[in-house]
Protein backbone atom coordinates (compact mmCIF):
# COMPACT_ATOMS: atom_id res chain seq x y z
CA MET A 1 11.82 31.05 7.64
CA LYS A 2 12.20 28.75 10.62
CA HIS A 3 9.16 27.91 12.72
CA THR A 4 10.33 27.09 16.26
CA ARG A 5 7.35 27.72 18.55
CA LEU A 6 5.15 24.68 19.19
CA VAL A 7 1.55 25.88 18.84
CA PHE A 8 -0.29 22.55 18.63
CA GLU A 9 0.51 19.01 19.75
CA GLU A 10 -1.69 15.93 19.59
CA LEU A 11 -0.33 12.64 20.94
CA PHE A 12 -3.67 10.80 21.06
CA ALA A 13 -3.04 9.84 24.67
CA GLY A 14 -5.54 7.84 26.67
CA THR A 15 -8.46 6.06 25.04
CA GLU A 16 -10.77 8.91 23.98
CA LEU A 17 -10.51 11.28 21.04
CA ASN A 18 -10.00 14.88 22.14
CA ARG A 19 -13.16 16.45 20.74
CA SER A 20 -11.91 19.93 21.55
CA HIS A 21 -9.35 19.35 18.79
CA TRP A 22 -11.19 17.07 16.36
CA ASN A 23 -14.47 16.78 14.48
CA VAL A 24 -15.48 13.38 13.09
CA GLU A 25 -17.32 13.75 9.81
CA VAL A 26 -20.35 11.60 9.01
CA GLY A 27 -22.07 11.06 5.69
CA GLU A 28 -22.85 8.81 2.76
CA LYS A 29 -21.96 10.85 -0.35
CA TRP A 30 -18.45 12.14 -1.06
CA HIS A 31 -16.44 13.52 -3.95
CA ASN A 32 -14.47 11.53 -6.53
CA ALA A 33 -17.11 8.76 -6.65
CA GLU A 34 -15.69 7.33 -3.42
CA ALA A 35 -17.50 4.24 -2.12
CA GLN A 36 -17.32 4.72 1.65
CA CYS A 37 -19.70 6.08 4.22
CA TYR A 38 -17.91 8.00 6.96
CA VAL A 39 -18.99 7.08 10.47
CA ASP A 40 -18.24 8.14 14.03
CA ASP A 41 -17.71 5.04 16.13
CA SER A 42 -15.00 3.15 17.98
CA GLU A 43 -15.09 0.28 15.48
CA HIS A 44 -13.48 2.49 12.85
CA PHE A 45 -11.12 4.63 14.91
CA ILE A 46 -9.22 3.58 18.00
CA VAL A 47 -7.35 5.84 20.40
CA LYS A 48 -4.76 3.94 22.40
CA ASP A 49 -1.33 5.55 22.69
CA GLY A 50 -1.91 6.82 19.17
CA LEU A 51 -4.74 6.85 16.65
CA THR A 52 -5.75 4.03 14.32
CA LEU A 53 -8.11 4.73 11.42
CA LEU A 54 -9.84 1.73 9.84
CA ALA A 55 -11.88 1.30 6.67
CA LYS A 56 -13.94 -1.90 6.84
CA VAL A 57 -16.29 -3.90 4.66
CA HIS A 58 -19.74 -4.58 6.15
CA PRO A 59 -21.18 -7.43 4.08
CA GLU A 60 -24.58 -7.13 5.80
CA HIS A 61 -25.02 -4.01 3.65
CA GLU A 62 -25.18 -5.17 0.04
CA THR A 63 -24.71 -1.69 -1.42
CA LYS A 64 -25.38 1.36 0.76
CA CYS A 65 -22.63 1.82 3.37
CA ARG A 66 -21.04 -1.53 2.57
CA TYR A 67 -17.72 0.25 3.12
CA GLN A 68 -17.36 2.35 6.27
CA SER A 69 -14.41 4.51 7.21
CA VAL A 70 -13.25 7.57 9.17
CA ARG A 71 -12.60 11.19 8.25
CA MET A 72 -11.71 13.67 10.98
CA ASN A 73 -10.68 17.30 10.90
CA THR A 74 -9.75 20.28 13.06
CA ARG A 75 -12.08 22.79 11.36
CA GLY A 76 -13.19 25.59 13.67
CA LYS A 77 -11.01 24.19 16.48
CA GLN A 78 -7.44 24.34 15.23
CA GLU A 79 -6.61 26.30 12.06
CA TRP A 80 -3.32 27.76 10.93
CA GLN A 81 -1.83 30.17 8.40
CA TYR A 82 1.79 29.20 7.68
CA GLY A 83 3.94 26.95 9.83
CA THR A 84 5.78 23.65 9.98
CA PHE A 85 3.49 20.64 10.25
CA ILE A 86 4.76 17.18 11.21
CA VAL A 87 2.43 14.19 11.21
CA ARG A 88 4.05 10.95 12.30
CA ALA A 89 2.12 8.21 10.54
CA LYS A 90 2.23 4.65 9.31
CA VAL A 91 0.37 4.29 6.03
CA GLY A 92 -1.25 0.93 5.45
CA TYR A 93 -2.08 -0.51 2.06
CA GLY A 94 -4.65 -2.56 0.23
CA THR A 95 -6.10 -2.39 -3.26
CA GLY A 96 -8.76 0.31 -3.22
CA SER A 97 -7.42 2.19 -0.20
CA TRP A 98 -6.79 5.94 -0.36
CA PRO A 99 -5.32 7.27 2.92
CA ALA A 100 -4.53 10.98 3.12
CA ILE A 101 -3.17 13.74 5.34
CA TRP A 102 -4.34 17.05 3.91
CA PHE A 103 -5.67 20.57 4.43
CA LEU A 104 -8.67 22.65 3.38
CA PRO A 105 -9.24 26.35 4.10
CA SER A 106 -11.60 27.70 6.72
CA ASP A 107 -13.55 29.59 4.03
CA ILE A 108 -14.52 26.47 2.07
CA GLY A 109 -18.28 26.59 1.55
CA LYS A 110 -18.20 30.34 1.18
CA VAL A 111 -15.59 29.86 -1.56
CA LYS A 112 -16.09 26.84 -3.79
CA TRP A 113 -13.46 24.21 -4.44
CA PRO A 114 -11.00 24.46 -6.17
CA LEU A 115 -10.97 28.27 -6.00
CA CYS A 116 -10.63 27.98 -2.22
CA GLY A 117 -7.45 25.87 -2.47
CA GLU A 118 -6.29 22.49 -1.11
CA ILE A 119 -2.97 21.23 0.25
CA ASP A 120 -2.18 17.49 0.22
CA LEU A 121 0.68 16.65 2.57
CA MET A 122 0.42 12.93 1.88
CA GLU A 123 -1.74 10.79 -0.39
CA ASN A 124 -1.32 7.14 -1.26
CA VAL A 125 -3.41 4.68 -3.24
CA GLY A 126 -3.33 0.96 -2.64
CA ARG A 127 -2.64 -0.01 -6.23
CA ASP A 128 0.71 1.83 -5.90
CA PRO A 129 1.52 1.09 -2.26
CA GLU A 130 5.05 2.50 -2.27
CA VAL A 131 4.23 5.78 -4.03
CA ILE A 132 3.63 8.92 -1.96
CA HIS A 133 2.02 12.01 -3.53
CA PHE A 134 2.32 15.69 -2.53
CA SER A 135 -0.03 18.16 -4.26
CA LEU A 136 -1.55 21.63 -4.35
CA HIS A 137 -4.95 22.34 -5.93
CA THR A 138 -6.24 25.74 -7.06
CA GLU A 139 -8.71 27.11 -9.61
CA TRP A 140 -6.06 27.11 -12.33
CA PHE A 141 -4.13 24.06 -11.15
CA ASN A 142 -6.19 21.04 -10.03
CA HIS A 143 -6.68 17.37 -10.74
CA ILE A 144 -10.05 17.79 -12.46
CA ILE A 145 -8.35 19.57 -15.37
CA LYS A 146 -5.11 17.59 -14.85
CA THR A 147 -3.00 20.66 -14.09
CA GLN A 148 -2.41 20.19 -10.35
CA ARG A 149 1.00 21.08 -8.99
CA THR A 150 2.09 17.66 -7.81
CA ALA A 151 5.07 15.43 -7.15
CA PHE A 152 5.18 11.73 -6.40
CA PHE A 153 7.94 9.34 -5.43
CA LYS A 154 8.35 5.61 -5.04
CA ILE A 155 9.71 4.92 -1.56
CA PRO A 156 10.37 1.21 -0.98
CA HIS A 157 8.80 -0.27 2.14
CA ILE A 158 7.24 3.07 3.12
CA HIS A 159 4.20 1.28 4.55
CA GLU A 160 6.18 -0.93 6.91
CA ASP A 161 6.94 1.65 9.59
CA PHE A 162 6.14 5.11 10.96
CA HIS A 163 7.52 8.15 9.18
CA ASP A 164 7.43 11.91 9.74
CA TYR A 165 5.39 13.55 6.98
CA LYS A 166 6.42 17.20 7.13
CA MET A 167 5.23 20.37 5.42
CA VAL A 168 6.88 23.78 5.67
CA TRP A 169 4.46 26.52 4.59
CA THR A 170 5.55 30.14 4.25
CA LYS A 171 4.37 33.20 2.32
CA GLU A 172 6.75 32.27 -0.48
CA ALA A 173 6.44 28.48 -0.85
CA ILE A 174 5.14 25.14 0.41
CA SER A 175 7.70 22.34 0.83
CA PHE A 176 7.25 18.64 1.58
CA TYR A 177 9.53 16.22 3.43
CA ILE A 178 9.55 12.67 4.75
CA ASP A 179 11.87 12.01 7.70
CA GLU A 180 13.63 15.34 6.99
CA HIS A 181 14.39 14.32 3.39
CA HIS A 182 13.18 17.06 1.07
CA TYR A 183 11.02 15.82 -1.81
CA ALA A 184 9.25 18.83 -3.35
CA THR A 185 8.76 22.59 -3.15
CA PHE A 186 6.05 24.60 -4.90
CA GLU A 187 6.86 28.29 -4.99
CA LYS A 188 4.50 31.23 -5.10
CA PRO A 189 4.80 32.93 -8.49
CA GLU A 190 6.51 36.30 -8.48
CA GLY A 191 4.57 39.54 -8.80
CA ASP A 192 0.84 39.94 -8.33
CA VAL A 193 -0.68 36.51 -7.71
CA PRO A 194 -4.42 36.09 -8.28
CA LEU A 195 -6.54 33.99 -5.99
CA GLU A 196 -6.95 31.48 -8.81
CA SER A 197 -3.31 30.38 -8.66
CA TRP A 198 -2.19 30.82 -5.02
CA PRO A 199 -4.98 30.81 -2.39
CA PHE A 200 -2.52 29.86 0.37
CA ASP A 201 -2.37 33.09 2.38
CA LYS A 202 -5.20 32.30 4.79
CA PRO A 203 -6.01 29.76 7.55
CA TYR A 204 -6.36 26.04 6.78
CA TYR A 205 -7.40 23.06 8.89
CA LEU A 206 -6.07 19.49 8.98
CA ILE A 207 -7.89 16.37 7.72
CA LEU A 208 -7.03 12.71 8.36
CA ASN A 209 -8.97 10.06 6.45
CA ILE A 210 -9.07 6.83 4.51
CA ALA A 211 -11.23 6.95 1.39
CA VAL A 212 -12.31 3.76 -0.37
CA GLY A 213 -12.23 3.30 -4.13
CA GLY A 214 -13.46 6.13 -6.31
CA THR A 215 -11.96 7.72 -9.39
CA TRP A 216 -8.45 7.62 -7.95
CA GLY A 217 -8.64 4.91 -5.30
CA GLY A 218 -9.79 2.53 -8.02
CA LYS A 219 -10.83 -1.10 -7.79
CA ILE A 220 -11.65 -2.34 -4.29
CA GLU A 221 -10.35 -5.70 -3.11
CA GLU A 222 -12.39 -6.68 -0.07
CA LYS A 223 -9.87 -9.38 0.80
CA ASP A 224 -7.39 -6.56 1.57
CA MET A 225 -9.71 -4.93 4.09
CA PRO A 226 -9.66 -3.48 6.64
CA TYR A 227 -7.49 -0.68 5.33
CA GLN A 228 -5.54 1.04 8.09
CA MET A 229 -3.60 4.22 8.84
CA ASP A 230 -1.92 4.85 12.20
CA ILE A 231 -1.11 8.33 13.52
CA ALA A 232 1.36 8.61 16.39
CA SER A 233 1.41 12.39 16.69
CA VAL A 234 0.63 15.75 15.10
CA ARG A 235 2.79 18.80 15.79
CA VAL A 236 2.53 22.32 14.44
CA TYR A 237 5.22 24.98 14.82
CA GLN A 238 5.02 28.66 13.92
């Protein structure tokens, strides 16, 4: 199925975040033993002909909120069921960084994770700076029990420039691309599919963030901070 109708476009024009499209999450405690606090301020995200996300060390805080970063989402403002999603991004690196472009469903909270589902269009961890991960998480297939449906590839110099991270999501499958090069497809199993294995027939919203450390981000090297991810554009076609 080809998705040709542009239904959402974000170019991050001007100098202010479009709050009709984006929520900025705030809080001190997050999953995966991550070390950051998420904050909503112009020191950690910059809108100027694009979006820059920054994770910084704040040495004035010895422990609590020593690391501060940004996590924003489109929940309740822009949500989609199926489509082609293209996020043009430049992924920075640094030991302990964990930038991601990913999706959660609108019913999360009512339905617990991982039963609700999760789609990871792009994940990267600083200890493997040239490796890009694509993953799906469900009740039966998730990283907690080490059964997630995932694929990862080493792409030399991936962090040196902008690239189009693309996902094509249909009723039958979810496919992942970088710059139109196909890397992975996860197909919906044939026959009756329980919610536990394919919860991807409902609306999801987009998340952009940089996590710090944690069970997957690993050891933090403060000398490598700030961690950075730049987003030039987001486009969704249906």
